Protein backbone atom coordinates (compact mmCIF):
# COMPACT_ATOMS: atom_id res chain seq x y z
CA MET A 1 53.47 104.96 139.14
CA SER A 2 57.24 104.83 140.50
CA ASP A 3 59.49 102.20 139.95
CA PHE A 4 60.85 102.39 143.38
CA SER A 5 59.12 98.89 144.41
CA ALA A 6 61.17 97.31 141.66
CA THR A 7 64.58 98.77 143.24
CA GLN A 8 64.25 99.00 146.15
CA PRO A 9 61.53 96.67 147.99
CA ALA A 10 59.80 98.24 151.07
CA PRO A 11 60.77 96.23 154.22
CA VAL A 12 58.60 93.71 155.56
CA SER A 13 57.01 93.57 159.21
CA GLY A 14 60.17 92.95 161.59
CA ALA A 15 62.74 93.68 159.09
CA PHE A 16 64.79 97.23 159.64
CA SER A 17 68.42 98.04 158.12
CA VAL A 18 70.24 100.92 158.11
CA GLY A 19 71.32 100.35 154.28
CA GLY A 20 67.60 99.97 153.52
CA VAL A 21 66.72 103.05 154.87
CA ILE A 22 69.54 105.10 153.14
CA LYS A 23 69.10 103.54 149.88
CA ARG A 24 65.46 104.26 149.82
CA ALA A 25 65.67 107.59 151.06
CA PHE A 26 68.14 108.86 148.11
CA SER A 27 66.30 106.82 145.56
CA THR A 28 63.45 108.40 146.81
CA TYR A 29 65.11 111.95 146.77
CA PHE A 30 66.63 111.62 143.15
CA ALA A 31 63.03 109.87 141.87
CA ASN A 32 61.53 113.47 143.06
CA PHE A 33 64.84 115.50 142.52
CA VAL A 34 63.22 118.47 140.53
CA SER A 35 60.09 118.69 142.64
CA PHE A 36 61.97 118.19 146.17
CA SER A 37 64.67 120.86 145.29
CA VAL A 38 62.77 123.32 143.74
CA LEU A 39 60.60 123.34 146.79
CA ALA A 40 63.96 123.71 149.00
CA LEU A 41 65.46 126.38 146.97
CA ILE A 42 62.08 128.16 147.25
CA LEU A 43 61.55 127.58 150.99
CA TYR A 44 65.34 128.35 151.85
CA LEU A 45 65.52 131.68 149.70
CA PRO A 46 64.93 133.65 153.08
CA SER A 47 68.05 132.34 154.59
CA LEU A 48 70.11 133.49 151.23
CA ILE A 49 68.45 136.76 151.51
CA PHE A 50 69.09 137.21 155.37
CA GLY A 51 72.66 135.72 154.58
CA TYR A 52 73.45 138.45 151.93
CA SER A 53 72.14 141.33 154.26
CA ALA A 54 74.52 140.10 156.66
CA ALA A 55 77.86 140.06 154.54
CA SER A 56 76.88 143.16 152.90
CA PHE A 57 76.44 144.67 156.52
CA ASN A 58 80.08 143.60 157.46
CA ILE A 59 81.42 145.07 154.16
CA ASN A 60 79.75 148.40 154.17
CA ALA A 61 81.17 148.92 157.65
CA GLY A 62 84.54 147.74 156.94
CA VAL A 63 84.26 144.80 159.41
CA SER A 64 86.81 142.63 159.85
CA VAL A 65 87.17 139.21 161.53
CA ASP A 66 89.25 140.56 164.23
CA THR A 67 86.59 143.18 165.64
CA GLY A 68 84.38 140.32 166.70
CA ALA A 69 81.19 142.94 165.58
CA VAL A 70 78.15 142.01 164.53
CA PRO A 71 75.72 142.62 162.41
CA GLY A 72 72.80 144.48 163.81
CA TYR A 73 69.64 142.93 163.83
CA GLY A 74 66.52 145.41 163.02
CA PRO A 75 63.02 144.36 162.82
CA THR A 76 63.50 143.46 159.16
CA GLU A 77 66.25 141.25 159.95
CA ILE A 78 64.71 139.72 162.58
CA ALA A 79 61.19 138.96 160.26
CA VAL A 80 63.31 137.25 157.67
CA MET A 81 65.17 135.05 160.32
CA VAL A 82 61.62 134.08 161.49
CA LEU A 83 60.27 133.60 158.22
CA SER A 84 63.29 131.26 157.39
CA ALA A 85 62.98 129.17 160.28
CA ILE A 86 58.73 128.79 159.44
CA LEU A 87 59.49 127.80 156.03
CA THR A 88 62.38 125.48 156.95
CA TYR A 89 59.74 123.25 158.98
CA VAL A 90 57.14 123.99 156.08
CA LEU A 91 59.63 121.83 153.88
CA VAL A 92 59.94 119.14 156.60
CA GLY A 93 56.25 118.56 156.52
CA ALA A 94 55.72 118.92 153.08
CA LEU A 95 58.56 116.06 152.28
CA VAL A 96 57.35 114.03 154.52
CA TYR A 97 54.02 113.55 152.58
CA GLY A 98 56.01 113.50 149.66
CA THR A 99 58.11 110.59 150.53
CA VAL A 100 55.03 108.67 151.92
CA GLN A 101 53.45 109.51 148.73
CA HIS A 102 56.60 108.56 146.48
CA LEU A 103 56.64 105.19 148.49
CA ASN A 104 53.25 104.53 147.90
CA GLY A 105 53.91 104.85 144.15
CA HIS A 106 52.62 108.37 143.45
CA LYS A 107 54.35 111.81 142.95
CA ALA A 108 53.02 115.20 144.30
CA GLY A 109 53.54 118.42 142.58
CA VAL A 110 55.36 121.12 144.48
CA GLY A 111 52.02 122.89 144.82
CA GLU A 112 50.54 120.23 146.67
CA LEU A 113 53.83 119.78 148.75
CA ILE A 114 53.40 123.37 149.96
CA SER A 115 49.84 122.79 151.01
CA ARG A 116 50.63 119.63 152.78
CA GLY A 117 53.23 121.19 154.64
CA LEU A 118 51.56 124.43 155.59
CA SER A 119 48.65 122.27 156.72
CA ARG A 120 50.86 120.87 159.58
CA VAL A 121 53.42 123.53 160.22
CA ILE A 122 52.46 124.81 163.47
CA PRO A 123 52.30 121.38 165.40
CA VAL A 124 55.90 120.68 163.42
CA ILE A 125 57.33 123.97 164.70
CA ILE A 126 56.24 123.57 168.33
CA ILE A 127 57.75 119.94 167.88
CA ALA A 128 60.66 120.93 166.59
CA ILE A 129 61.29 124.01 169.59
CA LEU A 130 60.89 121.13 172.31
CA PHE A 131 62.98 118.91 170.24
CA SER A 132 65.96 121.35 169.93
CA ILE A 133 65.81 122.77 173.82
CA ALA A 134 65.82 119.18 175.20
CA PHE A 135 68.26 118.25 172.61
CA GLY A 136 70.42 121.29 173.74
CA ILE A 137 70.29 120.49 177.53
CA GLY A 138 70.98 116.83 176.80
CA PHE A 139 74.15 117.61 174.52
CA ALA A 140 75.25 120.06 177.54
CA LEU A 141 75.09 117.17 180.05
CA LEU A 142 77.95 115.16 178.59
CA ILE A 143 76.84 114.61 175.06
CA ILE A 144 75.22 111.12 175.47
CA PRO A 145 71.87 111.98 176.52
CA GLY A 146 71.35 114.51 173.79
CA VAL A 147 72.34 111.71 171.54
CA PHE A 148 69.86 109.54 172.70
CA LEU A 149 67.10 112.17 172.77
CA ALA A 150 68.19 112.74 169.10
CA VAL A 151 67.42 108.93 168.13
CA VAL A 152 64.24 108.36 170.52
CA TRP A 153 62.76 111.48 168.96
CA SER A 154 63.74 111.13 165.38
CA VAL A 155 60.55 110.73 163.77
CA ALA A 156 58.36 112.67 166.08
CA ILE A 157 57.75 115.13 162.85
CA PRO A 158 56.67 112.49 160.68
CA ALA A 159 54.60 110.75 163.46
CA SER A 160 52.99 114.24 163.67
CA VAL A 161 52.58 114.73 159.91
CA VAL A 162 51.13 111.08 159.29
CA GLU A 163 48.99 110.28 162.42
CA ARG A 164 48.35 114.01 164.19
CA PRO A 165 48.60 112.54 167.43
CA GLY A 166 49.03 115.81 169.09
CA ILE A 167 52.37 117.49 170.32
CA PHE A 168 53.47 115.24 173.55
CA GLY A 169 51.86 112.38 171.50
CA ALA A 170 54.18 112.77 168.70
CA PHE A 171 57.24 112.59 170.96
CA SER A 172 55.55 109.48 172.66
CA ARG A 173 55.08 107.58 169.12
CA SER A 174 58.51 108.38 168.08
CA TRP A 175 59.95 106.64 171.37
CA GLN A 176 57.64 103.67 170.98
CA LEU A 177 58.72 103.41 167.10
CA THR A 178 62.56 103.39 168.10
CA LYS A 179 62.08 100.79 170.59
CA GLY A 180 64.29 98.20 169.93
CA TYR A 181 65.85 99.60 166.65
CA ARG A 182 67.58 102.34 168.27
CA TRP A 183 70.90 101.49 167.53
CA ARG A 184 70.05 101.07 163.81
CA VAL A 185 68.57 104.54 164.17
CA LEU A 186 71.81 105.97 165.17
CA GLY A 187 73.58 104.34 162.27
CA ALA A 188 71.24 106.13 159.79
CA LEU A 189 71.38 109.28 161.62
CA LEU A 190 75.05 109.06 161.41
CA ILE A 191 75.30 108.33 157.82
CA LEU A 192 73.31 111.24 157.10
CA LEU A 193 75.53 113.24 159.60
CA VAL A 194 78.56 112.33 157.73
CA ILE A 195 77.13 113.03 154.29
CA VAL A 196 76.11 116.68 155.28
CA VAL A 197 79.04 117.45 156.88
CA GLY A 198 80.95 116.20 154.21
CA LEU A 199 79.08 118.38 151.69
CA SER A 200 79.76 121.39 154.58
CA LEU A 201 83.62 120.94 154.36
CA LEU A 202 83.46 120.94 150.54
CA VAL A 203 81.78 124.34 150.34
CA GLY A 204 84.06 125.65 153.38
CA VAL A 205 87.14 124.71 150.76
CA PHE A 206 84.95 126.39 147.87
CA ALA A 207 84.52 129.39 149.82
CA GLY A 208 88.29 129.90 150.92
CA VAL A 209 89.25 129.78 147.10
CA VAL A 210 86.71 131.72 146.02
CA VAL A 211 87.10 134.18 148.76
CA ILE A 212 90.83 134.48 148.10
CA SER A 213 90.88 134.59 144.21
CA LEU A 214 87.80 136.69 143.38
CA ASP A 215 87.39 139.00 146.50
CA SER A 216 83.66 138.23 146.37
CA LEU A 217 81.14 136.63 148.98
CA ILE A 218 77.99 136.48 146.53
CA PRO A 219 79.48 133.10 144.91
CA VAL A 220 80.10 131.54 148.32
CA LEU A 221 76.46 132.55 149.74
CA ILE A 222 74.81 130.96 146.68
CA VAL A 223 76.88 127.76 146.65
CA ASN A 224 76.02 127.26 150.47
CA TYR A 225 72.38 128.42 149.79
CA VAL A 226 71.85 125.80 147.29
CA VAL A 227 73.80 123.15 149.36
CA GLN A 228 71.86 124.27 152.15
CA SER A 229 68.82 123.62 150.73
CA PHE A 230 69.49 120.35 148.99
CA SER A 231 70.59 119.13 152.47
CA GLY A 232 67.73 120.19 154.25
CA ALA A 233 65.59 118.27 151.72
CA LEU A 234 67.62 114.89 152.08
CA MET A 235 67.39 115.06 155.92
CA SER A 236 63.63 115.61 155.53
CA VAL A 237 63.33 112.32 153.19
CA VAL A 238 65.45 110.42 155.68
CA ILE A 239 63.40 111.09 158.70
CA ALA A 240 60.41 110.23 156.59
CA VAL A 241 62.03 106.99 155.25
CA LEU A 242 63.02 106.36 158.84
CA TYR A 243 59.32 106.61 160.24
CA HIS A 244 57.80 104.65 157.13
CA ASP A 245 60.27 101.46 157.66
CA LEU A 246 59.80 101.86 161.48
CA ARG A 247 56.10 101.74 161.15
CA VAL A 248 56.23 98.81 158.30
CA ALA A 249 58.80 96.65 160.57
CA LYS A 250 57.63 97.37 163.97
CA GLU A 251 53.55 97.62 163.29
CA GLY A 252 53.21 95.51 160.14
CA VAL A 253 51.24 98.37 158.46
CA SER A 254 51.66 98.51 154.42
CA THR A 255 52.83 101.63 152.65
CA ALA A 256 49.11 102.04 151.32
CA GLN A 257 48.03 102.24 154.77
CA LEU A 258 50.24 104.80 155.78
CA ALA A 259 49.46 107.40 152.42
CA ALA A 260 45.68 106.67 152.89
CA VAL A 261 45.70 108.79 155.87
CA PHE A 262 46.06 111.75 153.32
CA ASP A 263 43.17 110.76 151.07
């Protein structure tokens, strides 16, 4: 049994706060740091392989930044890219499940997480693709529409994993759940963005130092892979906690009721 309830009390009906979401997300992630991080490192491994392949192409071909040349993507590289994208969404589905289980006082092992992530990967991928297209179009239209869609559809994937309402039903559920709380959802997403961007900047500085001092891209690729894995895991946990807290605050359901759908 987790000590989560003693350190970060779950919200009550009608209560929803940015601070509560962030605290619960970090509490959940660090309480499950080993299993969540190991899973993220495993599922993000193809991105490391792809990054190494691209870097090797540039080195072997003597490509410089000024040439503007790009690696040639053959069937193998494309397959690795597709696999990387699929496994990213397996991670999202798996950690939504793992987060709900943790909030209910239970820990899921890596094998159980993978199994749950695979079981919902197809709808999660479809939702992610549709969301990305809509967000891209909205962002191109003076940015604000894209931000709005990012907020109102922020919990579509957790809704799909937990409730299984269908593809468009997941978008509808997210729209309903965020209504009345959208400024606070935006606040939580902005804090997450600042954390992820901050980590990326630190990695960028480290990369510059390593490339100059060691004349090698390998350490940079490894550190970037680790940070990307941890960031992906944290983002998955945050959206899962957002979904959990919105359900509790708006609909008055308990964590046990949310977790019961997986029994």
